[in-house]
C-alpha atoms as a PDB file:
ATOM      1  CA  UNK A   1      65.243 -17.342 -79.399  1.00  0.00           C
ATOM      2  CA  UNK A   2      66.766 -19.095 -82.419  1.00  0.00           C
ATOM      3  CA  UNK A   3      63.457 -20.137 -83.994  1.00  0.00           C
ATOM      4  CA  UNK A   4      61.513 -16.921 -83.389  1.00  0.00           C
ATOM      5  CA  UNK A   5      59.714 -15.555 -86.476  1.00  0.00           C
ATOM      6  CA  UNK A   6      61.175 -18.323 -88.615  1.00  0.00           C
ATOM      7  CA  UNK A   7      59.809 -20.838 -91.102  1.00  0.00           C
ATOM      8  CA  UNK A   8      61.499 -24.091 -90.102  1.00  0.00           C
ATOM      9  CA  UNK A   9      61.439 -27.097 -92.405  1.00  0.00           C
ATOM     10  CA  UNK A  10      61.886 -30.309 -90.446  1.00  0.00           C
ATOM     11  CA  UNK A  11      60.297 -33.049 -88.373  1.00  0.00           C
ATOM     12  CA  UNK A  12      58.104 -31.463 -85.705  1.00  0.00           C
ATOM     13  CA  UNK A  13      59.395 -33.627 -82.844  1.00  0.00           C
ATOM     14  CA  UNK A  14      63.030 -32.997 -83.719  1.00  0.00           C
ATOM     15  CA  UNK A  15      62.520 -29.240 -84.058  1.00  0.00           C
ATOM     16  CA  UNK A  16      60.281 -28.884 -80.993  1.00  0.00           C
ATOM     17  CA  UNK A  17      62.859 -30.687 -78.848  1.00  0.00           C
ATOM     18  CA  UNK A  18      65.198 -27.742 -79.517  1.00  0.00           C
ATOM     19  CA  UNK A  19      62.714 -25.037 -78.449  1.00  0.00           C
ATOM     20  CA  UNK A  20      63.479 -23.846 -74.886  1.00  0.00           C
ATOM     21  CA  UNK A  21      61.068 -24.672 -72.072  1.00  0.00           C
ATOM     22  CA  UNK A  22      58.158 -22.296 -71.403  1.00  0.00           C
ATOM     23  CA  UNK A  23      58.650 -19.915 -74.331  1.00  0.00           C
ATOM     24  CA  UNK A  24      55.353 -20.282 -76.249  1.00  0.00           C
ATOM     25  CA  UNK A  25      52.111 -18.546 -75.248  1.00  0.00           C
ATOM     26  CA  UNK A  26      49.750 -20.177 -77.752  1.00  0.00           C
ATOM     27  CA  UNK A  27      50.119 -23.342 -79.789  1.00  0.00           C
ATOM     28  CA  UNK A  28      47.516 -23.719 -82.514  1.00  0.00           C
ATOM     29  CA  UNK A  29      47.500 -26.461 -85.101  1.00  0.00           C
ATOM     30  CA  UNK A  30      45.541 -28.987 -87.105  1.00  0.00           C
ATOM     31  CA  UNK A  31      47.464 -32.272 -87.220  1.00  0.00           C
ATOM     32  CA  UNK A  32      47.495 -34.661 -90.172  1.00  0.00           C
ATOM     33  CA  UNK A  33      44.272 -36.654 -89.870  1.00  0.00           C
ATOM     34  CA  UNK A  34      45.833 -39.998 -90.820  1.00  0.00           C
ATOM     35  CA  UNK A  35      43.370 -40.461 -93.674  1.00  0.00           C
ATOM     36  CA  UNK A  36      45.868 -41.084 -96.440  1.00  0.00           C
ATOM     37  CA  UNK A  37      45.552 -37.453 -97.565  1.00  0.00           C
ATOM     38  CA  UNK A  38      48.349 -36.262 -99.824  1.00  0.00           C
ATOM     39  CA  UNK A  39      50.381 -33.928 -97.572  1.00  0.00           C
ATOM     40  CA  UNK A  40      53.316 -33.667 -99.985  1.00  0.00           C
ATOM     41  CA  UNK A  41      55.994 -35.927 -98.398  1.00  0.00           C
ATOM     42  CA  UNK A  42      54.245 -36.975 -95.150  1.00  0.00           C
ATOM     43  CA  UNK A  43      52.966 -40.514 -94.500  1.00  0.00           C
ATOM     44  CA  UNK A  44      49.335 -39.948 -93.518  1.00  0.00           C
ATOM     45  CA  UNK A  45      48.332 -43.600 -93.336  1.00  0.00           C
ATOM     46  CA  UNK A  46      49.759 -45.024 -90.100  1.00  0.00           C
ATOM     47  CA  UNK A  47      47.959 -47.685 -88.105  1.00  0.00           C
ATOM     48  CA  UNK A  48      45.599 -45.815 -85.774  1.00  0.00           C
ATOM     49  CA  UNK A  49      47.349 -46.980 -82.588  1.00  0.00           C
ATOM     50  CA  UNK A  50      50.741 -45.916 -83.990  1.00  0.00           C
ATOM     51  CA  UNK A  51      49.265 -42.582 -85.019  1.00  0.00           C
ATOM     52  CA  UNK A  52      47.963 -41.926 -81.492  1.00  0.00           C
ATOM     53  CA  UNK A  53      51.293 -42.937 -79.968  1.00  0.00           C
ATOM     54  CA  UNK A  54      53.134 -40.502 -82.250  1.00  0.00           C
ATOM     55  CA  UNK A  55      50.698 -37.680 -81.562  1.00  0.00           C
ATOM     56  CA  UNK A  56      51.057 -38.119 -77.790  1.00  0.00           C
ATOM     57  CA  UNK A  57      54.780 -37.409 -78.142  1.00  0.00           C
ATOM     58  CA  UNK A  58      53.861 -34.158 -79.911  1.00  0.00           C
ATOM     59  CA  UNK A  59      51.492 -33.199 -77.068  1.00  0.00           C
ATOM     60  CA  UNK A  60      54.226 -33.806 -74.484  1.00  0.00           C
ATOM     61  CA  UNK A  61      56.568 -31.451 -76.350  1.00  0.00           C
ATOM     62  CA  UNK A  62      53.754 -28.929 -76.717  1.00  0.00           C
ATOM     63  CA  UNK A  63      53.160 -28.861 -72.971  1.00  0.00           C
ATOM     64  CA  UNK A  64      56.878 -28.462 -72.284  1.00  0.00           C
ATOM     65  CA  UNK A  65      57.306 -25.381 -74.495  1.00  0.00           C
ATOM     66  CA  UNK A  66      54.143 -23.621 -73.261  1.00  0.00           C
ATOM     67  CA  UNK A  67      54.481 -20.979 -70.553  1.00  0.00           C
ATOM     68  CA  UNK A  68      52.362 -21.430 -67.393  1.00  0.00           C
ATOM     69  CA  UNK A  69      48.856 -20.431 -68.444  1.00  0.00           C
ATOM     70  CA  UNK A  70      49.779 -20.925 -72.109  1.00  0.00           C
ATOM     71  CA  UNK A  71      47.018 -22.225 -74.363  1.00  0.00           C
ATOM     72  CA  UNK A  72      46.815 -25.017 -76.916  1.00  0.00           C
ATOM     73  CA  UNK A  73      44.086 -24.744 -79.570  1.00  0.00           C
ATOM     74  CA  UNK A  74      43.736 -28.032 -81.426  1.00  0.00           C
ATOM     75  CA  UNK A  75      41.563 -28.184 -84.539  1.00  0.00           C
ATOM     76  CA  UNK A  76      40.273 -31.692 -85.105  1.00  0.00           C
ATOM     77  CA  UNK A  77      37.326 -33.468 -86.734  1.00  0.00           C
ATOM     78  CA  UNK A  78      34.712 -35.201 -84.523  1.00  0.00           C
ATOM     79  CA  UNK A  79      35.623 -38.627 -85.896  1.00  0.00           C
ATOM     80  CA  UNK A  80      38.210 -40.186 -88.128  1.00  0.00           C
ATOM     81  CA  UNK A  81      36.281 -40.525 -91.390  1.00  0.00           C
ATOM     82  CA  UNK A  82      38.514 -43.388 -92.513  1.00  0.00           C
ATOM     83  CA  UNK A  83      37.334 -45.737 -89.764  1.00  0.00           C
ATOM     84  CA  UNK A  84      34.943 -43.607 -87.672  1.00  0.00           C
ATOM     85  CA  UNK A  85      37.225 -43.602 -84.626  1.00  0.00           C
ATOM     86  CA  UNK A  86      36.414 -40.943 -81.974  1.00  0.00           C
ATOM     87  CA  UNK A  87      39.614 -39.049 -82.693  1.00  0.00           C
ATOM     88  CA  UNK A  88      38.763 -35.888 -80.772  1.00  0.00           C
ATOM     89  CA  UNK A  89      37.943 -37.938 -77.648  1.00  0.00           C
ATOM     90  CA  UNK A  90      41.213 -39.834 -77.967  1.00  0.00           C
ATOM     91  CA  UNK A  91      43.209 -36.618 -78.282  1.00  0.00           C
ATOM     92  CA  UNK A  92      41.340 -35.046 -75.350  1.00  0.00           C
ATOM     93  CA  UNK A  93      42.112 -38.078 -73.189  1.00  0.00           C
ATOM     94  CA  UNK A  94      45.789 -37.967 -74.154  1.00  0.00           C
ATOM     95  CA  UNK A  95      46.102 -34.281 -73.324  1.00  0.00           C
ATOM     96  CA  UNK A  96      44.420 -34.739 -69.948  1.00  0.00           C
ATOM     97  CA  UNK A  97      46.669 -37.722 -69.217  1.00  0.00           C
ATOM     98  CA  UNK A  98      49.776 -35.544 -69.573  1.00  0.00           C
ATOM     99  CA  UNK A  99      48.309 -32.917 -67.254  1.00  0.00           C
ATOM    100  CA  UNK A 100      46.838 -30.330 -69.616  1.00  0.00           C
ATOM    101  CA  UNK A 101      43.721 -28.505 -68.384  1.00  0.00           C
ATOM    102  CA  UNK A 102      40.643 -28.619 -70.613  1.00  0.00           C
ATOM    103  CA  UNK A 103      39.273 -25.087 -71.098  1.00  0.00           C
ATOM    104  CA  UNK A 104      36.563 -25.368 -73.741  1.00  0.00           C
ATOM    105  CA  UNK A 105      35.412 -26.731 -77.086  1.00  0.00           C
ATOM    106  CA  UNK A 106      34.697 -24.371 -79.955  1.00  0.00           C
ATOM    107  CA  UNK A 107      32.388 -25.584 -82.709  1.00  0.00           C
ATOM    108  CA  UNK A 108      33.737 -24.494 -86.088  1.00  0.00           C
ATOM    109  CA  UNK A 109      30.770 -24.766 -88.451  1.00  0.00           C
ATOM    110  CA  UNK A 110      32.124 -25.087 -91.997  1.00  0.00           C
ATOM    111  CA  UNK A 111      28.895 -25.804 -93.916  1.00  0.00           C
ATOM    112  CA  UNK A 112      30.551 -28.257 -96.283  1.00  0.00           C
ATOM    113  CA  UNK A 113      27.419 -30.236 -97.184  1.00  0.00           C
ATOM    114  CA  UNK A 114      27.620 -29.124-100.800  1.00  0.00           C
ATOM    115  CA  UNK A 115      30.846 -31.086-101.229  1.00  0.00           C
ATOM    116  CA  UNK A 116      29.435 -34.414-100.074  1.00  0.00           C
ATOM    117  CA  UNK A 117      29.979 -37.438-102.274  1.00  0.00           C
ATOM    118  CA  UNK A 118      29.307 -40.299 -99.814  1.00  0.00           C
ATOM    119  CA  UNK A 119      25.872 -40.826 -98.282  1.00  0.00           C
ATOM    120  CA  UNK A 120      26.012 -44.485 -97.229  1.00  0.00           C
ATOM    121  CA  UNK A 121      22.688 -46.107 -98.036  1.00  0.00           C
ATOM    122  CA  UNK A 122      20.967 -43.390-100.089  1.00  0.00           C
ATOM    123  CA  UNK A 123      17.466 -42.582 -98.792  1.00  0.00           C
ATOM    124  CA  UNK A 124      17.405 -45.779 -96.753  1.00  0.00           C
ATOM    125  CA  UNK A 125      17.748 -46.533 -93.023  1.00  0.00           C
ATOM    126  CA  UNK A 126      19.925 -49.523 -93.927  1.00  0.00           C
ATOM    127  CA  UNK A 127      23.272 -47.748 -93.399  1.00  0.00           C
ATOM    128  CA  UNK A 128      23.038 -43.966 -93.881  1.00  0.00           C
ATOM    129  CA  UNK A 129      26.119 -41.870 -93.094  1.00  0.00           C
ATOM    130  CA  UNK A 130      26.252 -38.585 -91.224  1.00  0.00           C
ATOM    131  CA  UNK A 131      29.202 -36.549 -92.403  1.00  0.00           C
ATOM    132  CA  UNK A 132      30.002 -33.739 -89.934  1.00  0.00           C
ATOM    133  CA  UNK A 133      29.731 -30.230 -91.335  1.00  0.00           C
ATOM    134  CA  UNK A 134      31.702 -28.952 -88.343  1.00  0.00           C
ATOM    135  CA  UNK A 135      35.030 -29.474 -86.623  1.00  0.00           C
ATOM    136  CA  UNK A 136      36.178 -28.886 -83.073  1.00  0.00           C
ATOM    137  CA  UNK A 137      38.759 -26.494 -81.763  1.00  0.00           C
ATOM    138  CA  UNK A 138      39.728 -28.060 -78.439  1.00  0.00           C
ATOM    139  CA  UNK A 139      41.325 -25.504 -76.132  1.00  0.00           C
ATOM    140  CA  UNK A 140      43.633 -26.580 -73.311  1.00  0.00           C
ATOM    141  CA  UNK A 141      45.940 -24.674 -70.979  1.00  0.00           C
ATOM    142  CA  UNK A 142      49.056 -25.523 -68.999  1.00  0.00           C
ATOM    143  CA  UNK A 143      49.086 -25.443 -65.172  1.00  0.00           C
ATOM    144  CA  UNK A 144      46.942 -22.306 -64.812  1.00  0.00           C
ATOM    145  CA  UNK A 145      43.762 -20.839 -66.267  1.00  0.00           C
ATOM    146  CA  UNK A 146      45.365 -17.388 -66.287  1.00  0.00           C
ATOM    147  CA  UNK A 147      47.932 -16.093 -68.785  1.00  0.00           C
ATOM    148  CA  UNK A 148      49.925 -13.176 -67.403  1.00  0.00           C
ATOM    149  CA  UNK A 149      50.464 -10.102 -69.575  1.00  0.00           C
ATOM    150  CA  UNK A 150      50.378  -6.316 -69.713  1.00  0.00           C
ATOM    151  CA  UNK A 151      47.087  -4.492 -70.223  1.00  0.00           C
ATOM    152  CA  UNK A 152      48.750  -2.251 -72.807  1.00  0.00           C
ATOM    153  CA  UNK A 153      49.284  -5.336 -74.972  1.00  0.00           C
ATOM    154  CA  UNK A 154      45.572  -6.210 -75.148  1.00  0.00           C
ATOM    155  CA  UNK A 155      44.281  -5.354 -78.618  1.00  0.00           C
ATOM    156  CA  UNK A 156      40.934  -7.137 -78.844  1.00  0.00           C
ATOM    157  CA  UNK A 157      37.953  -4.820 -79.269  1.00  0.00           C
ATOM    158  CA  UNK A 158      34.768  -4.996 -77.220  1.00  0.00           C
ATOM    159  CA  UNK A 159      32.801  -6.181 -80.262  1.00  0.00           C
ATOM    160  CA  UNK A 160      35.388  -8.864 -81.075  1.00  0.00           C
ATOM    161  CA  UNK A 161      35.464 -10.140 -77.497  1.00  0.00           C
ATOM    162  CA  UNK A 162      31.679 -10.468 -77.371  1.00  0.00           C
ATOM    163  CA  UNK A 163      31.507 -12.345 -80.669  1.00  0.00           C
ATOM    164  CA  UNK A 164      34.567 -14.539 -80.165  1.00  0.00           C
ATOM    165  CA  UNK A 165      33.398 -15.679 -76.713  1.00  0.00           C
ATOM    166  CA  UNK A 166      30.409 -17.362 -78.380  1.00  0.00           C
ATOM    167  CA  UNK A 167      31.555 -20.963 -78.837  1.00  0.00           C
ATOM    168  CA  UNK A 168      29.811 -21.449 -82.203  1.00  0.00           C
ATOM    169  CA  UNK A 169      31.963 -20.028 -85.021  1.00  0.00           C
ATOM    170  CA  UNK A 170      30.563 -19.998 -88.531  1.00  0.00           C
ATOM    171  CA  UNK A 171      33.625 -19.656 -90.753  1.00  0.00           C
ATOM    172  CA  UNK A 172      33.666 -21.006 -94.329  1.00  0.00           C
ATOM    173  CA  UNK A 173      36.649 -23.219 -95.211  1.00  0.00           C
ATOM    174  CA  UNK A 174      39.588 -21.631 -96.978  1.00  0.00           C
ATOM    175  CA  UNK A 175      38.969 -21.349-100.727  1.00  0.00           C
ATOM    176  CA  UNK A 176      42.599 -20.629-101.692  1.00  0.00           C
ATOM    177  CA  UNK A 177      44.365 -23.908-101.029  1.00  0.00           C
ATOM    178  CA  UNK A 178      47.821 -22.822-102.272  1.00  0.00           C
ATOM    179  CA  UNK A 179      48.835 -26.431-102.907  1.00  0.00           C
ATOM    180  CA  UNK A 180      47.703 -27.698 -99.471  1.00  0.00           C
ATOM    181  CA  UNK A 181      44.669 -30.027 -99.107  1.00  0.00           C
ATOM    182  CA  UNK A 182      43.345 -28.586 -95.818  1.00  0.00           C
ATOM    183  CA  UNK A 183      44.551 -25.023 -95.133  1.00  0.00           C
ATOM    184  CA  UNK A 184      43.264 -22.951 -92.219  1.00  0.00           C
ATOM    185  CA  UNK A 185      41.054 -19.964 -93.048  1.00  0.00           C
ATOM    186  CA  UNK A 186      42.823 -16.845 -91.766  1.00  0.00           C
ATOM    187  CA  UNK A 187      39.711 -15.762 -89.890  1.00  0.00           C
ATOM    188  CA  UNK A 188      39.803 -18.843 -87.644  1.00  0.00           C
ATOM    189  CA  UNK A 189      43.404 -18.143 -86.638  1.00  0.00           C
ATOM    190  CA  UNK A 190      42.730 -14.424 -86.244  1.00  0.00           C
ATOM    191  CA  UNK A 191      40.016 -15.153 -83.693  1.00  0.00           C
ATOM    192  CA  UNK A 192      42.176 -17.576 -81.701  1.00  0.00           C
ATOM    193  CA  UNK A 193      45.186 -15.257 -81.626  1.00  0.00           C
ATOM    194  CA  UNK A 194      43.225 -12.141 -80.681  1.00  0.00           C
ATOM    195  CA  UNK A 195      41.162 -13.968 -78.026  1.00  0.00           C
ATOM    196  CA  UNK A 196      43.941 -15.946 -76.340  1.00  0.00           C
ATOM    197  CA  UNK A 197      47.128 -13.844 -76.607  1.00  0.00           C
ATOM    198  CA  UNK A 198      48.638 -10.441 -75.949  1.00  0.00           C
ATOM    199  CA  UNK A 199      50.643  -8.494 -78.500  1.00  0.00           C
ATOM    200  CA  UNK A 200      54.257  -9.703 -78.785  1.00  0.00           C
ATOM    201  CA  UNK A 201      53.305 -13.185 -77.525  1.00  0.00           C
ATOM    202  CA  UNK A 202      54.752 -16.240 -79.283  1.00  0.00           C
ATOM    203  CA  UNK A 203      52.459 -18.473 -81.366  1.00  0.00           C
ATOM    204  CA  UNK A 204      53.548 -21.964 -82.449  1.00  0.00           C
ATOM    205  CA  UNK A 205      52.188 -24.151 -85.232  1.00  0.00           C
ATOM    206  CA  UNK A 206      54.041 -27.467 -85.287  1.00  0.00           C
ATOM    207  CA  UNK A 207      52.177 -28.628 -88.414  1.00  0.00           C
ATOM    208  CA  UNK A 208      52.412 -25.234 -90.087  1.00  0.00           C
ATOM    209  CA  UNK A 209      51.538 -26.187 -93.662  1.00  0.00           C
ATOM    210  CA  UNK A 210      51.533 -23.168 -95.959  1.00  0.00           C
ATOM    211  CA  UNK A 211      51.898 -20.656 -93.147  1.00  0.00           C
ATOM    212  CA  UNK A 212      48.470 -19.307 -92.210  1.00  0.00           C
ATOM    213  CA  UNK A 213      49.282 -19.145 -88.480  1.00  0.00           C
ATOM    214  CA  UNK A 214      52.607 -17.415 -89.161  1.00  0.00           C
ATOM    215  CA  UNK A 215      50.987 -14.899 -91.522  1.00  0.00           C
ATOM    216  CA  UNK A 216      48.179 -13.984 -89.108  1.00  0.00           C
ATOM    217  CA  UNK A 217      50.650 -13.738 -86.217  1.00  0.00           C
ATOM    218  CA  UNK A 218      52.719 -11.325 -88.294  1.00  0.00           C
ATOM    219  CA  UNK A 219      49.646  -9.249 -89.169  1.00  0.00           C
ATOM    220  CA  UNK A 220      48.499  -9.028 -85.546  1.00  0.00           C
ATOM    221  CA  UNK A 221      51.844  -8.138 -83.979  1.00  0.00           C
ATOM    222  CA  UNK A 222      52.673 -11.532 -82.502  1.00  0.00           C
ATOM    223  CA  UNK A 223      55.821 -13.614 -82.896  1.00  0.00           C
ATOM    224  CA  UNK A 224      55.583 -17.051 -84.473  1.00  0.00           C
ATOM    225  CA  UNK A 225      57.350 -20.373 -84.841  1.00  0.00           C
ATOM    226  CA  UNK A 226      56.328 -22.309 -87.949  1.00  0.00           C
ATOM    227  CA  UNK A 227      57.347 -25.954 -88.360  1.00  0.00           C
ATOM    228  CA  UNK A 228      56.533 -28.238 -91.266  1.00  0.00           C
ATOM    229  CA  UNK A 229      58.258 -31.255 -92.750  1.00  0.00           C
ATOM    230  CA  UNK A 230      57.368 -30.315 -96.343  1.00  0.00           C
ATOM    231  CA  UNK A 231      59.885 -28.148 -98.154  1.00  0.00           C
ATOM    232  CA  UNK A 232      57.198 -27.219-100.682  1.00  0.00           C
ATOM    233  CA  UNK A 233      54.818 -25.936 -97.997  1.00  0.00           C
ATOM    234  CA  UNK A 234      57.609 -24.043 -96.237  1.00  0.00           C
ATOM    235  CA  UNK A 235      58.510 -22.282 -99.481  1.00  0.00           C
ATOM    236  CA  UNK A 236      54.878 -21.209 -99.932  1.00  0.00           C
ATOM    237  CA  UNK A 237      54.807 -19.996 -96.317  1.00  0.00           C
ATOM    238  CA  UNK A 238      57.976 -17.946 -96.903  1.00  0.00           C
ATOM    239  CA  UNK A 239      56.416 -16.332 -99.975  1.00  0.00           C
ATOM    240  CA  UNK A 240      53.221 -15.459 -98.073  1.00  0.00           C
ATOM    241  CA  UNK A 241      55.212 -13.933 -95.221  1.00  0.00           C
ATOM    242  CA  UNK A 242      57.344 -11.909 -97.607  1.00  0.00           C
ATOM    243  CA  UNK A 243      54.207 -10.478 -99.223  1.00  0.00           C
ATOM    244  CA  UNK A 244      52.654  -9.710 -95.822  1.00  0.00           C
ATOM    245  CA  UNK A 245      55.759  -7.915 -94.578  1.00  0.00           C
ATOM    246  CA  UNK A 246      56.059  -5.927 -97.792  1.00  0.00           C
ATOM    247  CA  UNK A 247      52.458  -4.736 -97.518  1.00  0.00           C
ATOM    248  CA  UNK A 248      52.951  -3.792 -93.869  1.00  0.00           C
ATOM    249  CA  UNK A 249      55.794  -1.481 -94.867  1.00  0.00           C
ATOM    250  CA  UNK A 250      53.593   0.523 -97.238  1.00  0.00           C
ATOM    251  CA  UNK A 251      52.268   3.831 -95.907  1.00  0.00           C
ATOM    252  CA  UNK A 252      48.578   3.517 -95.104  1.00  0.00           C
ATOM    253  CA  UNK A 253      46.310   6.312 -96.362  1.00  0.00           C
ATOM    254  CA  UNK A 254      44.311   7.707 -93.445  1.00  0.00           C
ATOM    255  CA  UNK A 255      42.585  10.813 -94.717  1.00  0.00           C
ATOM    256  CA  UNK A 256      41.939  12.889 -97.812  1.00  0.00           C
ATOM    257  CA  UNK A 257      42.502  16.641 -97.711  1.00  0.00           C
ATOM    258  CA  UNK A 258      40.378  17.150-100.821  1.00  0.00           C
ATOM    259  CA  UNK A 259      42.974  19.200-102.683  1.00  0.00           C
ATOM    260  CA  UNK A 260      43.576  18.094-106.283  1.00  0.00           C
ATOM    261  CA  UNK A 261      46.645  19.107-108.256  1.00  0.00           C
ATOM    262  CA  UNK A 262      47.264  18.760-111.981  1.00  0.00           C
ATOM    263  CA  UNK A 263      50.765  17.722-113.044  1.00  0.00           C
ATOM    264  CA  UNK A 264      50.818  17.393-116.808  1.00  0.00           C
ATOM    265  CA  UNK A 265      48.214  14.806-117.731  1.00  0.00           C
ATOM    266  CA  UNK A 266      48.197  13.272-114.236  1.00  0.00           C
ATOM    267  CA  UNK A 267      45.853  14.334-111.494  1.00  0.00           C
ATOM    268  CA  UNK A 268      47.229  13.971-107.981  1.00  0.00           C
ATOM    269  CA  UNK A 269      45.101  13.919-104.858  1.00  0.00           C
ATOM    270  CA  UNK A 270      46.554  15.114-101.581  1.00  0.00           C
ATOM    271  CA  UNK A 271      46.265  12.570 -98.769  1.00  0.00           C
ATOM    272  CA  UNK A 272      47.508  12.319 -95.236  1.00  0.00           C
ATOM    273  CA  UNK A 273      49.341   9.063 -94.661  1.00  0.00           C
ATOM    274  CA  UNK A 274      50.579   7.293 -91.548  1.00  0.00           C
ATOM    275  CA  UNK A 275      54.300   6.716 -91.149  1.00  0.00           C
ATOM    276  CA  UNK A 276      56.998   7.252 -88.554  1.00  0.00           C
ATOM    277  CA  UNK A 277      56.378  10.977 -89.004  1.00  0.00           C
ATOM    278  CA  UNK A 278      52.885  12.152 -89.895  1.00  0.00           C
ATOM    279  CA  UNK A 279      53.022  14.193 -93.018  1.00  0.00           C
ATOM    280  CA  UNK A 280      51.021  15.114 -96.074  1.00  0.00           C
ATOM    281  CA  UNK A 281      51.931  13.525 -99.369  1.00  0.00           C
ATOM    282  CA  UNK A 282      50.713  13.814-102.938  1.00  0.00           C
ATOM    283  CA  UNK A 283      49.545  10.406-104.076  1.00  0.00           C
ATOM    284  CA  UNK A 284      48.353   9.463-107.583  1.00  0.00           C
ATOM    285  CA  UNK A 285      44.717   8.401-107.451  1.00  0.00           C
ATOM    286  CA  UNK A 286      45.454   5.013-109.057  1.00  0.00           C
ATOM    287  CA  UNK A 287      48.251   4.299-106.585  1.00  0.00           C
ATOM    288  CA  UNK A 288      46.040   5.185-103.644  1.00  0.00           C
ATOM    289  CA  UNK A 289      43.279   2.831-104.756  1.00  0.00           C
ATOM    290  CA  UNK A 290      45.818   0.056-105.255  1.00  0.00           C
ATOM    291  CA  UNK A 291      47.170   0.512-101.731  1.00  0.00           C
ATOM    292  CA  UNK A 292      43.678   0.567-100.262  1.00  0.00           C
ATOM    293  CA  UNK A 293      42.867  -2.694-102.042  1.00  0.00           C
ATOM    294  CA  UNK A 294      46.032  -4.332-100.715  1.00  0.00           C
ATOM    295  CA  UNK A 295      45.339  -3.314 -97.149  1.00  0.00           C
ATOM    296  CA  UNK A 296      41.740  -4.431 -97.413  1.00  0.00           C
ATOM    297  CA  UNK A 297      42.947  -7.824 -98.630  1.00  0.00           C
ATOM    298  CA  UNK A 298      45.149  -8.144 -95.533  1.00  0.00           C
ATOM    299  CA  UNK A 299      42.268  -7.797 -93.086  1.00  0.00           C
ATOM    300  CA  UNK A 300      40.266 -10.903 -92.073  1.00  0.00           C
ATOM    301  CA  UNK A 301      36.745 -10.796 -93.454  1.00  0.00           C
ATOM    302  CA  UNK A 302      33.873 -10.633 -90.944  1.00  0.00           C
ATOM    303  CA  UNK A 303      35.982 -11.350 -87.876  1.00  0.00           C
END
């Protein structure tokens, strides 16, 4: 497929119209919330009715590109904070109208109360505001509840499956924004990909931002299609992917033999490493620690 494992800069509807039918196994995204947020070069302040009309066109394309049984995980706030519209209900209704099957709602608890600046009528019943400290991940599927795949391509562990099947996910928001106002935390995407896809499946993010979905897909052995209209965000996504791929090519230390060897003023420690051929290699202690740190940084925390 032309767009497979690519960062594509362009309008999501134009690009999605070129993706062949029934080629995506999981679509996961968080659309612009239409709150006037600064998303680089995107107009995030449409009239609400126009916004819904535009989003419905995106959902229609999403359904078309999904395989039978393919899933759509949509991250959305409970209400539109700008005008307190029930945005997640409106999106749910739209998706059901086009024939998508509602699977579940995941509660993503972000615990963002410390960032609050608006309380309405402070300490008064006059007009107090409740600001949600959670968001939804609405999960839909196309035509069938079942996604076909090979058992050998299942890579979720027993512990992960038990924890991920609990619909309340406590995951702090992403602290490294990388120039984007609302980036996904990698852990959220890791859970969705591992729970809903097989290895080698295709994952689409039509509002890809700075590339979190693409990066996690790469790390977990899935293919991806990343679309975003912002050239700036696409450049950041390319840089993140390049770093991820580079780290994946490094040999991963898997066991220490315990033998130390002096070479001049340097002390080398013998380690077994994984590669295409298992072999023993002498690795400088400092280099080994650096590699361990890099690999540790690649793994989602507390999945």
